[in-house]
PDB file of N, CA and C in Angstrom:
ATOM      1  N   MET A   1     -48.004 -32.063  54.514  1.00  0.00           N
ATOM      2  CA  MET A   1     -47.383 -31.961  53.212  1.00  0.00           C
ATOM      3  C   MET A   1     -45.927 -31.518  53.401  1.00  0.00           C
ATOM      4  N   PRO A   2     -44.972 -32.303  52.871  1.00  0.00           N
ATOM      5  CA  PRO A   2     -43.564 -31.948  53.059  1.00  0.00           C
ATOM      6  C   PRO A   2     -43.182 -30.699  52.281  1.00  0.00           C
ATOM      7  N   ASN A   3     -42.198 -29.993  52.816  1.00  0.00           N
ATOM      8  CA  ASN A   3     -41.737 -28.758  52.195  1.00  0.00           C
ATOM      9  C   ASN A   3     -40.440 -29.039  51.439  1.00  0.00           C
ATOM     10  N   TYR A   4     -40.503 -29.079  50.117  1.00  0.00           N
ATOM     11  CA  TYR A   4     -39.336 -29.361  49.299  1.00  0.00           C
ATOM     12  C   TYR A   4     -38.621 -28.087  48.871  1.00  0.00           C
ATOM     13  N   ARG A   5     -39.199 -26.939  49.123  1.00  0.00           N
ATOM     14  CA  ARG A   5     -38.610 -25.676  48.680  1.00  0.00           C
ATOM     15  C   ARG A   5     -37.243 -25.444  49.316  1.00  0.00           C
ATOM     16  N   GLY A   6     -37.125 -25.748  50.611  1.00  0.00           N
ATOM     17  CA  GLY A   6     -35.850 -25.566  51.297  1.00  0.00           C
ATOM     18  C   GLY A   6     -34.740 -26.387  50.669  1.00  0.00           C
ATOM     19  N   GLY A   7     -35.034 -27.621  50.332  1.00  0.00           N
ATOM     20  CA  GLY A   7     -34.045 -28.485  49.684  1.00  0.00           C
ATOM     21  C   GLY A   7     -33.651 -27.977  48.315  1.00  0.00           C
ATOM     22  N   ARG A   8     -34.621 -27.478  47.565  1.00  0.00           N
ATOM     23  CA  ARG A   8     -34.319 -26.934  46.231  1.00  0.00           C
ATOM     24  C   ARG A   8     -33.462 -25.690  46.343  1.00  0.00           C
ATOM     25  N   ILE A   9     -33.768 -24.837  47.310  1.00  0.00           N
ATOM     26  CA  ILE A   9     -32.978 -23.619  47.501  1.00  0.00           C
ATOM     27  C   ILE A   9     -31.555 -23.984  47.918  1.00  0.00           C
ATOM     28  N   ASN A  10     -31.412 -24.942  48.822  1.00  0.00           N
ATOM     29  CA  ASN A  10     -30.079 -25.366  49.250  1.00  0.00           C
ATOM     30  C   ASN A  10     -29.250 -25.867  48.073  1.00  0.00           C
ATOM     31  N   GLU A  11     -29.842 -26.699  47.238  1.00  0.00           N
ATOM     32  CA  GLU A  11     -29.110 -27.243  46.089  1.00  0.00           C
ATOM     33  C   GLU A  11     -28.745 -26.152  45.085  1.00  0.00           C
ATOM     34  N   GLU A  12     -29.650 -25.223  44.860  1.00  0.00           N
ATOM     35  CA  GLU A  12     -29.372 -24.131  43.920  1.00  0.00           C
ATOM     36  C   GLU A  12     -28.262 -23.226  44.447  1.00  0.00           C
ATOM     37  N   VAL A  13     -28.300 -22.923  45.739  1.00  0.00           N
ATOM     38  CA  VAL A  13     -27.249 -22.098  46.341  1.00  0.00           C
ATOM     39  C   VAL A  13     -25.907 -22.826  46.256  1.00  0.00           C
ATOM     40  N   LYS A  14     -25.902 -24.111  46.542  1.00  0.00           N
ATOM     41  CA  LYS A  14     -24.668 -24.902  46.460  1.00  0.00           C
ATOM     42  C   LYS A  14     -24.084 -24.863  45.054  1.00  0.00           C
ATOM     43  N   LYS A  15     -24.932 -25.054  44.059  1.00  0.00           N
ATOM     44  CA  LYS A  15     -24.471 -25.054  42.666  1.00  0.00           C
ATOM     45  C   LYS A  15     -23.924 -23.690  42.266  1.00  0.00           C
ATOM     46  N   GLU A  16     -24.630 -22.640  42.609  1.00  0.00           N
ATOM     47  CA  GLU A  16     -24.210 -21.293  42.206  1.00  0.00           C
ATOM     48  C   GLU A  16     -22.950 -20.843  42.940  1.00  0.00           C
ATOM     49  N   VAL A  17     -22.850 -21.129  44.236  1.00  0.00           N
ATOM     50  CA  VAL A  17     -21.650 -20.738  44.983  1.00  0.00           C
ATOM     51  C   VAL A  17     -20.434 -21.490  44.451  1.00  0.00           C
ATOM     52  N   SER A  18     -20.607 -22.749  44.125  1.00  0.00           N
ATOM     53  CA  SER A  18     -19.510 -23.517  43.542  1.00  0.00           C
ATOM     54  C   SER A  18     -19.045 -22.895  42.230  1.00  0.00           C
ATOM     55  N   ASP A  19     -19.992 -22.487  41.405  1.00  0.00           N
ATOM     56  CA  ASP A  19     -19.648 -21.851  40.131  1.00  0.00           C
ATOM     57  C   ASP A  19     -18.976 -20.493  40.353  1.00  0.00           C
ATOM     58  N   ILE A  20     -19.454 -19.728  41.310  1.00  0.00           N
ATOM     59  CA  ILE A  20     -18.859 -18.414  41.605  1.00  0.00           C
ATOM     60  C   ILE A  20     -17.416 -18.582  42.076  1.00  0.00           C
ATOM     61  N   ILE A  21     -17.175 -19.539  42.965  1.00  0.00           N
ATOM     62  CA  ILE A  21     -15.813 -19.766  43.461  1.00  0.00           C
ATOM     63  C   ILE A  21     -14.898 -20.197  42.321  1.00  0.00           C
ATOM     64  N   ARG A  22     -15.386 -21.082  41.482  1.00  0.00           N
ATOM     65  CA  ARG A  22     -14.566 -21.622  40.396  1.00  0.00           C
ATOM     66  C   ARG A  22     -14.285 -20.591  39.313  1.00  0.00           C
ATOM     67  N   ASN A  23     -15.258 -19.757  38.969  1.00  0.00           N
ATOM     68  CA  ASN A  23     -15.117 -18.910  37.783  1.00  0.00           C
ATOM     69  C   ASN A  23     -14.995 -17.417  38.043  1.00  0.00           C
ATOM     70  N   ASN A  24     -15.443 -16.915  39.170  1.00  0.00           N
ATOM     71  CA  ASN A  24     -15.525 -15.466  39.343  1.00  0.00           C
ATOM     72  C   ASN A  24     -14.568 -14.864  40.361  1.00  0.00           C
ATOM     73  N   ILE A  25     -14.143 -15.616  41.346  1.00  0.00           N
ATOM     74  CA  ILE A  25     -13.236 -15.060  42.352  1.00  0.00           C
ATOM     75  C   ILE A  25     -11.815 -15.103  41.798  1.00  0.00           C
ATOM     76  N   LYS A  26     -11.174 -13.957  41.763  1.00  0.00           N
ATOM     77  CA  LYS A  26      -9.833 -13.848  41.183  1.00  0.00           C
ATOM     78  C   LYS A  26      -8.774 -13.590  42.249  1.00  0.00           C
ATOM     79  N   ASP A  27      -8.941 -14.117  43.430  1.00  0.00           N
ATOM     80  CA  ASP A  27      -7.987 -13.910  44.518  1.00  0.00           C
ATOM     81  C   ASP A  27      -6.778 -14.835  44.321  1.00  0.00           C
ATOM     82  N   PRO A  28      -5.560 -14.299  44.322  1.00  0.00           N
ATOM     83  CA  PRO A  28      -4.377 -15.151  44.122  1.00  0.00           C
ATOM     84  C   PRO A  28      -4.116 -16.113  45.281  1.00  0.00           C
ATOM     85  N   ARG A  29      -4.764 -15.908  46.419  1.00  0.00           N
ATOM     86  CA  ARG A  29      -4.589 -16.820  47.558  1.00  0.00           C
ATOM     87  C   ARG A  29      -5.370 -18.116  47.378  1.00  0.00           C
ATOM     88  N   LEU A  30      -6.257 -18.165  46.395  1.00  0.00           N
ATOM     89  CA  LEU A  30      -7.044 -19.380  46.162  1.00  0.00           C
ATOM     90  C   LEU A  30      -6.257 -20.323  45.258  1.00  0.00           C
ATOM     91  N   THR A  31      -5.269 -20.993  45.833  1.00  0.00           N
ATOM     92  CA  THR A  31      -4.423 -21.891  45.054  1.00  0.00           C
ATOM     93  C   THR A  31      -4.805 -23.351  45.245  1.00  0.00           C
ATOM     94  N   ALA A  32      -5.409 -23.698  46.355  1.00  0.00           N
ATOM     95  CA  ALA A  32      -5.788 -25.081  46.638  1.00  0.00           C
ATOM     96  C   ALA A  32      -7.098 -25.426  45.930  1.00  0.00           C
ATOM     97  N   MET A  33      -7.336 -26.721  45.802  1.00  0.00           N
ATOM     98  CA  MET A  33      -8.588 -27.178  45.202  1.00  0.00           C
ATOM     99  C   MET A  33      -9.708 -27.041  46.236  1.00  0.00           C
ATOM    100  N   ILE A  34     -10.808 -26.422  45.827  1.00  0.00           N
ATOM    101  CA  ILE A  34     -11.932 -26.157  46.727  1.00  0.00           C
ATOM    102  C   ILE A  34     -13.158 -26.898  46.218  1.00  0.00           C
ATOM    103  N   SER A  35     -13.844 -27.561  47.128  1.00  0.00           N
ATOM    104  CA  SER A  35     -15.070 -28.270  46.790  1.00  0.00           C
ATOM    105  C   SER A  35     -16.176 -27.836  47.746  1.00  0.00           C
ATOM    106  N   VAL A  36     -17.306 -27.438  47.192  1.00  0.00           N
ATOM    107  CA  VAL A  36     -18.466 -27.097  48.023  1.00  0.00           C
ATOM    108  C   VAL A  36     -19.203 -28.400  48.307  1.00  0.00           C
ATOM    109  N   THR A  37     -19.210 -28.812  49.572  1.00  0.00           N
ATOM    110  CA  THR A  37     -19.823 -30.092  49.918  1.00  0.00           C
ATOM    111  C   THR A  37     -21.299 -29.971  50.272  1.00  0.00           C
ATOM    112  N   ASP A  38     -21.711 -28.811  50.792  1.00  0.00           N
ATOM    113  CA  ASP A  38     -23.113 -28.650  51.166  1.00  0.00           C
ATOM    114  C   ASP A  38     -23.421 -27.170  51.357  1.00  0.00           C
ATOM    115  N   ALA A  39     -24.685 -26.849  51.261  1.00  0.00           N
ATOM    116  CA  ALA A  39     -25.167 -25.498  51.543  1.00  0.00           C
ATOM    117  C   ALA A  39     -26.472 -25.636  52.314  1.00  0.00           C
ATOM    118  N   VAL A  40     -26.568 -24.919  53.417  1.00  0.00           N
ATOM    119  CA  VAL A  40     -27.781 -24.954  54.236  1.00  0.00           C
ATOM    120  C   VAL A  40     -28.246 -23.521  54.438  1.00  0.00           C
ATOM    121  N   VAL A  41     -29.405 -23.215  53.875  1.00  0.00           N
ATOM    122  CA  VAL A  41     -29.989 -21.881  53.998  1.00  0.00           C
ATOM    123  C   VAL A  41     -31.035 -21.934  55.103  1.00  0.00           C
ATOM    124  N   THR A  42     -31.003 -20.942  55.994  1.00  0.00           N
ATOM    125  CA  THR A  42     -31.986 -20.908  57.075  1.00  0.00           C
ATOM    126  C   THR A  42     -33.385 -20.697  56.497  1.00  0.00           C
ATOM    127  N   LYS A  43     -34.400 -21.048  57.274  1.00  0.00           N
ATOM    128  CA  LYS A  43     -35.778 -20.956  56.785  1.00  0.00           C
ATOM    129  C   LYS A  43     -36.201 -19.538  56.459  1.00  0.00           C
ATOM    130  N   ASP A  44     -35.621 -18.553  57.161  1.00  0.00           N
ATOM    131  CA  ASP A  44     -35.975 -17.167  56.865  1.00  0.00           C
ATOM    132  C   ASP A  44     -35.125 -16.576  55.733  1.00  0.00           C
ATOM    133  N   LEU A  45     -34.266 -17.390  55.125  1.00  0.00           N
ATOM    134  CA  LEU A  45     -33.422 -17.012  53.979  1.00  0.00           C
ATOM    135  C   LEU A  45     -32.438 -15.890  54.306  1.00  0.00           C
ATOM    136  N   ARG A  46     -32.075 -15.732  55.557  1.00  0.00           N
ATOM    137  CA  ARG A  46     -31.143 -14.663  55.949  1.00  0.00           C
ATOM    138  C   ARG A  46     -29.688 -15.117  55.913  1.00  0.00           C
ATOM    139  N   TYR A  47     -29.440 -16.405  56.174  1.00  0.00           N
ATOM    140  CA  TYR A  47     -28.073 -16.907  56.254  1.00  0.00           C
ATOM    141  C   TYR A  47     -27.932 -18.181  55.429  1.00  0.00           C
ATOM    142  N   ALA A  48     -26.777 -18.317  54.799  1.00  0.00           N
ATOM    143  CA  ALA A  48     -26.456 -19.536  54.064  1.00  0.00           C
ATOM    144  C   ALA A  48     -25.122 -20.053  54.578  1.00  0.00           C
ATOM    145  N   ASN A  49     -25.149 -21.202  55.233  1.00  0.00           N
ATOM    146  CA  ASN A  49     -23.917 -21.850  55.676  1.00  0.00           C
ATOM    147  C   ASN A  49     -23.404 -22.700  54.522  1.00  0.00           C
ATOM    148  N   ILE A  50     -22.229 -22.348  54.023  1.00  0.00           N
ATOM    149  CA  ILE A  50     -21.626 -23.052  52.901  1.00  0.00           C
ATOM    150  C   ILE A  50     -20.490 -23.900  53.455  1.00  0.00           C
ATOM    151  N   TYR A  51     -20.607 -25.214  53.312  1.00  0.00           N
ATOM    152  CA  TYR A  51     -19.587 -26.129  53.805  1.00  0.00           C
ATOM    153  C   TYR A  51     -18.635 -26.454  52.668  1.00  0.00           C
ATOM    154  N   ILE A  52     -17.335 -26.219  52.906  1.00  0.00           N
ATOM    155  CA  ILE A  52     -16.342 -26.420  51.857  1.00  0.00           C
ATOM    156  C   ILE A  52     -15.241 -27.353  52.344  1.00  0.00           C
ATOM    157  N   SER A  53     -14.686 -28.099  51.396  1.00  0.00           N
ATOM    158  CA  SER A  53     -13.492 -28.902  51.641  1.00  0.00           C
ATOM    159  C   SER A  53     -12.367 -28.289  50.843  1.00  0.00           C
ATOM    160  N   ILE A  54     -11.223 -28.152  51.479  1.00  0.00           N
ATOM    161  CA  ILE A  54     -10.042 -27.599  50.820  1.00  0.00           C
ATOM    162  C   ILE A  54      -8.991 -28.698  50.777  1.00  0.00           C
ATOM    163  N   PHE A  55      -8.569 -29.059  49.564  1.00  0.00           N
ATOM    164  CA  PHE A  55      -7.566 -30.098  49.383  1.00  0.00           C
ATOM    165  C   PHE A  55      -6.223 -29.435  49.139  1.00  0.00           C
ATOM    166  N   SER A  56      -5.339 -29.574  50.105  1.00  0.00           N
ATOM    167  CA  SER A  56      -4.029 -28.937  50.034  1.00  0.00           C
ATOM    168  C   SER A  56      -3.021 -29.802  50.771  1.00  0.00           C
ATOM    169  N   LEU A  57      -1.754 -29.688  50.364  1.00  0.00           N
ATOM    170  CA  LEU A  57      -0.705 -30.453  51.027  1.00  0.00           C
ATOM    171  C   LEU A  57      -0.230 -29.790  52.311  1.00  0.00           C
ATOM    172  N   SER A  58      -0.358 -28.478  52.401  1.00  0.00           N
ATOM    173  CA  SER A  58       0.122 -27.783  53.594  1.00  0.00           C
ATOM    174  C   SER A  58      -1.037 -27.111  54.329  1.00  0.00           C
ATOM    175  N   GLU A  59      -0.903 -27.049  55.620  1.00  0.00           N
ATOM    176  CA  GLU A  59      -1.914 -26.387  56.446  1.00  0.00           C
ATOM    177  C   GLU A  59      -1.908 -24.879  56.222  1.00  0.00           C
ATOM    178  N   GLU A  60      -0.745 -24.318  55.900  1.00  0.00           N
ATOM    179  CA  GLU A  60      -0.654 -22.875  55.650  1.00  0.00           C
ATOM    180  C   GLU A  60      -1.457 -22.488  54.415  1.00  0.00           C
ATOM    181  N   GLU A  61      -1.341 -23.301  53.367  1.00  0.00           N
ATOM    182  CA  GLU A  61      -2.090 -23.020  52.143  1.00  0.00           C
ATOM    183  C   GLU A  61      -3.591 -23.161  52.392  1.00  0.00           C
ATOM    184  N   LYS A  62      -3.958 -24.156  53.189  1.00  0.00           N
ATOM    185  CA  LYS A  62      -5.371 -24.356  53.522  1.00  0.00           C
ATOM    186  C   LYS A  62      -5.916 -23.158  54.302  1.00  0.00           C
ATOM    187  N   ALA A  63      -5.141 -22.671  55.271  1.00  0.00           N
ATOM    188  CA  ALA A  63      -5.567 -21.516  56.067  1.00  0.00           C
ATOM    189  C   ALA A  63      -5.656 -20.262  55.207  1.00  0.00           C
ATOM    190  N   SER A  64      -4.706 -20.085  54.304  1.00  0.00           N
ATOM    191  CA  SER A  64      -4.719 -18.927  53.409  1.00  0.00           C
ATOM    192  C   SER A  64      -5.927 -18.971  52.475  1.00  0.00           C
ATOM    193  N   THR A  65      -6.227 -20.150  51.954  1.00  0.00           N
ATOM    194  CA  THR A  65      -7.375 -20.310  51.063  1.00  0.00           C
ATOM    195  C   THR A  65      -8.676 -20.039  51.804  1.00  0.00           C
ATOM    196  N   PHE A  66      -8.799 -20.563  53.018  1.00  0.00           N
ATOM    197  CA  PHE A  66     -10.015 -20.345  53.802  1.00  0.00           C
ATOM    198  C   PHE A  66     -10.179 -18.869  54.149  1.00  0.00           C
ATOM    199  N   SER A  67      -9.083 -18.209  54.480  1.00  0.00           N
ATOM    200  CA  SER A  67      -9.120 -16.772  54.771  1.00  0.00           C
ATOM    201  C   SER A  67      -9.563 -15.977  53.547  1.00  0.00           C
ATOM    202  N   ALA A  68      -9.069 -16.359  52.377  1.00  0.00           N
ATOM    203  CA  ALA A  68      -9.459 -15.677  51.141  1.00  0.00           C
ATOM    204  C   ALA A  68     -10.944 -15.864  50.863  1.00  0.00           C
ATOM    205  N   LEU A  69     -11.456 -17.065  51.105  1.00  0.00           N
ATOM    206  CA  LEU A  69     -12.887 -17.312  50.901  1.00  0.00           C
ATOM    207  C   LEU A  69     -13.732 -16.484  51.860  1.00  0.00           C
ATOM    208  N   LYS A  70     -13.325 -16.429  53.123  1.00  0.00           N
ATOM    209  CA  LYS A  70     -14.087 -15.648  54.094  1.00  0.00           C
ATOM    210  C   LYS A  70     -14.094 -14.168  53.733  1.00  0.00           C
ATOM    211  N   SER A  71     -12.973 -13.665  53.220  1.00  0.00           N
ATOM    212  CA  SER A  71     -12.920 -12.244  52.863  1.00  0.00           C
ATOM    213  C   SER A  71     -13.711 -11.944  51.594  1.00  0.00           C
ATOM    214  N   SER A  72     -13.969 -12.959  50.777  1.00  0.00           N
ATOM    215  CA  SER A  72     -14.735 -12.731  49.551  1.00  0.00           C
ATOM    216  C   SER A  72     -16.216 -13.063  49.723  1.00  0.00           C
ATOM    217  N   SER A  73     -16.680 -13.262  50.950  1.00  0.00           N
ATOM    218  CA  SER A  73     -18.079 -13.648  51.159  1.00  0.00           C
ATOM    219  C   SER A  73     -19.053 -12.559  50.709  1.00  0.00           C
ATOM    220  N   GLY A  74     -18.674 -11.291  50.827  1.00  0.00           N
ATOM    221  CA  GLY A  74     -19.538 -10.207  50.347  1.00  0.00           C
ATOM    222  C   GLY A  74     -19.712 -10.250  48.840  1.00  0.00           C
ATOM    223  N   PHE A  75     -18.615 -10.514  48.128  1.00  0.00           N
ATOM    224  CA  PHE A  75     -18.683 -10.643  46.670  1.00  0.00           C
ATOM    225  C   PHE A  75     -19.550 -11.832  46.276  1.00  0.00           C
ATOM    226  N   VAL A  76     -19.376 -12.948  46.983  1.00  0.00           N
ATOM    227  CA  VAL A  76     -20.170 -14.149  46.688  1.00  0.00           C
ATOM    228  C   VAL A  76     -21.647 -13.864  46.924  1.00  0.00           C
ATOM    229  N   ARG A  77     -21.974 -13.140  47.984  1.00  0.00           N
ATOM    230  CA  ARG A  77     -23.367 -12.797  48.272  1.00  0.00           C
ATOM    231  C   ARG A  77     -23.950 -11.924  47.163  1.00  0.00           C
ATOM    232  N   LYS A  78     -23.171 -10.949  46.696  1.00  0.00           N
ATOM    233  CA  LYS A  78     -23.651 -10.065  45.635  1.00  0.00           C
ATOM    234  C   LYS A  78     -23.915 -10.858  44.351  1.00  0.00           C
ATOM    235  N   GLU A  79     -22.979 -11.722  43.980  1.00  0.00           N
ATOM    236  CA  GLU A  79     -23.157 -12.548  42.783  1.00  0.00           C
ATOM    237  C   GLU A  79     -24.347 -13.491  42.939  1.00  0.00           C
ATOM    238  N   LEU A  80     -24.512 -14.043  44.126  1.00  0.00           N
ATOM    239  CA  LEU A  80     -25.633 -14.940  44.391  1.00  0.00           C
ATOM    240  C   LEU A  80     -26.958 -14.204  44.239  1.00  0.00           C
ATOM    241  N   GLY A  81     -26.994 -12.950  44.674  1.00  0.00           N
ATOM    242  CA  GLY A  81     -28.198 -12.135  44.528  1.00  0.00           C
ATOM    243  C   GLY A  81     -28.561 -11.889  43.076  1.00  0.00           C
ATOM    244  N   HIS A  82     -27.545 -11.780  42.209  1.00  0.00           N
ATOM    245  CA  HIS A  82     -27.809 -11.594  40.781  1.00  0.00           C
ATOM    246  C   HIS A  82     -28.318 -12.878  40.125  1.00  0.00           C
ATOM    247  N   ARG A  83     -27.886 -14.016  40.635  1.00  0.00           N
ATOM    248  CA  ARG A  83     -28.189 -15.291  39.986  1.00  0.00           C
ATOM    249  C   ARG A  83     -29.469 -15.952  40.486  1.00  0.00           C
ATOM    250  N   ILE A  84     -29.790 -15.780  41.762  1.00  0.00           N
ATOM    251  CA  ILE A  84     -30.960 -16.444  42.347  1.00  0.00           C
ATOM    252  C   ILE A  84     -31.971 -15.389  42.758  1.00  0.00           C
ATOM    253  N   ASN A  85     -33.193 -15.572  42.335  1.00  0.00           N
ATOM    254  CA  ASN A  85     -34.247 -14.611  42.627  1.00  0.00           C
ATOM    255  C   ASN A  85     -34.960 -15.005  43.920  1.00  0.00           C
ATOM    256  N   LEU A  86     -34.494 -14.425  45.026  1.00  0.00           N
ATOM    257  CA  LEU A  86     -35.117 -14.646  46.327  1.00  0.00           C
ATOM    258  C   LEU A  86     -35.492 -13.302  46.926  1.00  0.00           C
ATOM    259  N   ARG A  87     -36.408 -13.319  47.864  1.00  0.00           N
ATOM    260  CA  ARG A  87     -36.810 -12.081  48.529  1.00  0.00           C
ATOM    261  C   ARG A  87     -35.622 -11.452  49.255  1.00  0.00           C
ATOM    262  N   HIS A  88     -34.845 -12.267  49.957  1.00  0.00           N
ATOM    263  CA  HIS A  88     -33.651 -11.800  50.662  1.00  0.00           C
ATOM    264  C   HIS A  88     -32.464 -12.603  50.156  1.00  0.00           C
ATOM    265  N   THR A  89     -31.380 -11.923  49.845  1.00  0.00           N
ATOM    266  CA  THR A  89     -30.150 -12.635  49.504  1.00  0.00           C
ATOM    267  C   THR A  89     -29.475 -13.023  50.813  1.00  0.00           C
ATOM    268  N   PRO A  90     -29.243 -14.320  51.019  1.00  0.00           N
ATOM    269  CA  PRO A  90     -28.691 -14.740  52.307  1.00  0.00           C
ATOM    270  C   PRO A  90     -27.246 -14.293  52.503  1.00  0.00           C
ATOM    271  N   GLU A  91     -26.897 -14.024  53.752  1.00  0.00           N
ATOM    272  CA  GLU A  91     -25.511 -13.726  54.102  1.00  0.00           C
ATOM    273  C   GLU A  91     -24.729 -15.034  54.042  1.00  0.00           C
ATOM    274  N   VAL A  92     -23.612 -15.022  53.336  1.00  0.00           N
ATOM    275  CA  VAL A  92     -22.827 -16.233  53.110  1.00  0.00           C
ATOM    276  C   VAL A  92     -21.836 -16.424  54.255  1.00  0.00           C
ATOM    277  N   LEU A  93     -21.915 -17.589  54.888  1.00  0.00           N
ATOM    278  CA  LEU A  93     -21.008 -17.950  55.976  1.00  0.00           C
ATOM    279  C   LEU A  93     -20.289 -19.236  55.581  1.00  0.00           C
ATOM    280  N   PHE A  94     -18.984 -19.156  55.371  1.00  0.00           N
ATOM    281  CA  PHE A  94     -18.216 -20.338  54.984  1.00  0.00           C
ATOM    282  C   PHE A  94     -17.825 -21.136  56.218  1.00  0.00           C
ATOM    283  N   GLN A  95     -18.006 -22.455  56.136  1.00  0.00           N
ATOM    284  CA  GLN A  95     -17.632 -23.384  57.204  1.00  0.00           C
ATOM    285  C   GLN A  95     -16.713 -24.442  56.594  1.00  0.00           C
ATOM    286  N   LEU A  96     -15.657 -24.786  57.297  1.00  0.00           N
ATOM    287  CA  LEU A  96     -14.725 -25.795  56.823  1.00  0.00           C
ATOM    288  C   LEU A  96     -15.284 -27.180  57.118  1.00  0.00           C
ATOM    289  N   ASP A  97     -15.382 -28.009  56.084  1.00  0.00           N
ATOM    290  CA  ASP A  97     -15.906 -29.369  56.212  1.00  0.00           C
ATOM    291  C   ASP A  97     -14.739 -30.336  56.043  1.00  0.00           C
ATOM    292  N   GLU A  98     -14.386 -31.007  57.111  1.00  0.00           N
ATOM    293  CA  GLU A  98     -13.251 -31.922  57.068  1.00  0.00           C
ATOM    294  C   GLU A  98     -13.692 -33.379  57.027  1.00  0.00           C
ATOM    295  N   SER A  99     -14.935 -33.648  56.679  1.00  0.00           N
ATOM    296  CA  SER A  99     -15.442 -35.016  56.689  1.00  0.00           C
ATOM    297  C   SER A  99     -14.752 -35.881  55.637  1.00  0.00           C
ATOM    298  N   ILE A 100     -14.398 -35.314  54.488  1.00  0.00           N
ATOM    299  CA  ILE A 100     -13.725 -36.092  53.447  1.00  0.00           C
ATOM    300  C   ILE A 100     -12.332 -36.492  53.920  1.00  0.00           C
ATOM    301  N   GLU A 101     -11.610 -35.557  54.529  1.00  0.00           N
ATOM    302  CA  GLU A 101     -10.275 -35.869  55.045  1.00  0.00           C
ATOM    303  C   GLU A 101     -10.345 -36.922  56.145  1.00  0.00           C
ATOM    304  N   LYS A 102     -11.337 -36.812  57.013  1.00  0.00           N
ATOM    305  CA  LYS A 102     -11.487 -37.798  58.084  1.00  0.00           C
ATOM    306  C   LYS A 102     -11.810 -39.173  57.501  1.00  0.00           C
ATOM    307  N   GLY A 103     -12.635 -39.206  56.472  1.00  0.00           N
ATOM    308  CA  GLY A 103     -12.949 -40.468  55.805  1.00  0.00           C
ATOM    309  C   GLY A 103     -11.727 -41.094  55.162  1.00  0.00           C
ATOM    310  N   MET A 104     -10.884 -40.268  54.531  1.00  0.00           N
ATOM    311  CA  MET A 104      -9.657 -40.781  53.929  1.00  0.00           C
ATOM    312  C   MET A 104      -8.714 -41.315  55.009  1.00  0.00           C
ATOM    313  N   HIS A 105      -8.659 -40.652  56.151  1.00  0.00           N
ATOM    314  CA  HIS A 105      -7.812 -41.107  57.253  1.00  0.00           C
ATOM    315  C   HIS A 105      -8.300 -42.459  57.781  1.00  0.00           C
ATOM    316  N   ILE A 106      -9.594 -42.611  57.925  1.00  0.00           N
ATOM    317  CA  ILE A 106     -10.156 -43.883  58.390  1.00  0.00           C
ATOM    318  C   ILE A 106      -9.865 -44.987  57.384  1.00  0.00           C
ATOM    319  N   ASP A 107      -9.991 -44.682  56.084  1.00  0.00           N
ATOM    320  CA  ASP A 107      -9.667 -45.670  55.053  1.00  0.00           C
ATOM    321  C   ASP A 107      -8.213 -46.110  55.140  1.00  0.00           C
ATOM    322  N   SER A 108      -7.307 -45.155  55.363  1.00  0.00           N
ATOM    323  CA  SER A 108      -5.890 -45.519  55.464  1.00  0.00           C
ATOM    324  C   SER A 108      -5.637 -46.379  56.699  1.00  0.00           C
ATOM    325  N   LEU A 109      -6.323 -46.084  57.799  1.00  0.00           N
ATOM    326  CA  LEU A 109      -6.179 -46.919  58.992  1.00  0.00           C
ATOM    327  C   LEU A 109      -6.703 -48.331  58.744  1.00  0.00           C
ATOM    328  N   LEU A 110      -7.814 -48.447  58.037  1.00  0.00           N
ATOM    329  CA  LEU A 110      -8.356 -49.770  57.721  1.00  0.00           C
ATOM    330  C   LEU A 110      -7.417 -50.547  56.806  1.00  0.00           C
ATOM    331  N   GLU A 111      -6.778 -49.862  55.870  1.00  0.00           N
ATOM    332  CA  GLU A 111      -5.812 -50.520  54.986  1.00  0.00           C
ATOM    333  C   GLU A 111      -4.618 -51.040  55.785  1.00  0.00           C
ATOM    334  N   LYS A 112      -4.161 -50.266  56.766  1.00  0.00           N
ATOM    335  CA  LYS A 112      -3.043 -50.710  57.607  1.00  0.00           C
ATOM    336  C   LYS A 112      -3.430 -51.956  58.400  1.00  0.00           C
ATOM    337  N   ILE A 113      -4.666 -51.996  58.871  1.00  0.00           N
ATOM    338  CA  ILE A 113      -5.138 -53.162  59.623  1.00  0.00           C
ATOM    339  C   ILE A 113      -5.204 -54.381  58.709  1.00  0.00           C
ATOM    340  N   LYS A 114      -5.639 -54.193  57.464  1.00  0.00           N
ATOM    341  CA  LYS A 114      -5.722 -55.295  56.504  1.00  0.00           C
ATOM    342  C   LYS A 114      -4.348 -55.895  56.227  1.00  0.00           C
ATOM    343  N   GLU A 115      -3.332 -55.033  56.147  1.00  0.00           N
ATOM    344  CA  GLU A 115      -1.988 -55.494  55.821  1.00  0.00           C
ATOM    345  C   GLU A 115      -1.402 -56.375  56.917  1.00  0.00           C
ATOM    346  N   LYS A 116      -1.837 -56.190  58.142  1.00  0.00           N
ATOM    347  CA  LYS A 116      -1.277 -56.970  59.258  1.00  0.00           C
ATOM    348  C   LYS A 116      -1.814 -58.349  59.319  1.00  0.00           C
TER     349      LYS A 116
END
């Protein structure tokens, strides 16, 4: 029998963390657009790897935004504990997901090939 609970927990954590970042974190360093692309909670519910994409024109702004997110992980964990009823509130670990940027780069390369 397949276990769908893990998938449901992952989706719920992804939705709630996205909402917390958008509405509750008041850090002035969060100037770039942030998108939560995935959330993976370990089976023992101790850790939640949150994959985020940061859309910014400069690398400095991207680094500053990522640093601000990492420093607010305790706040995000506390808010997550209030919103989701689990035995253990997972420790939030932010991971940078650059798959969207890589996909856009590949698309631009394909467009250049088409033009030739």
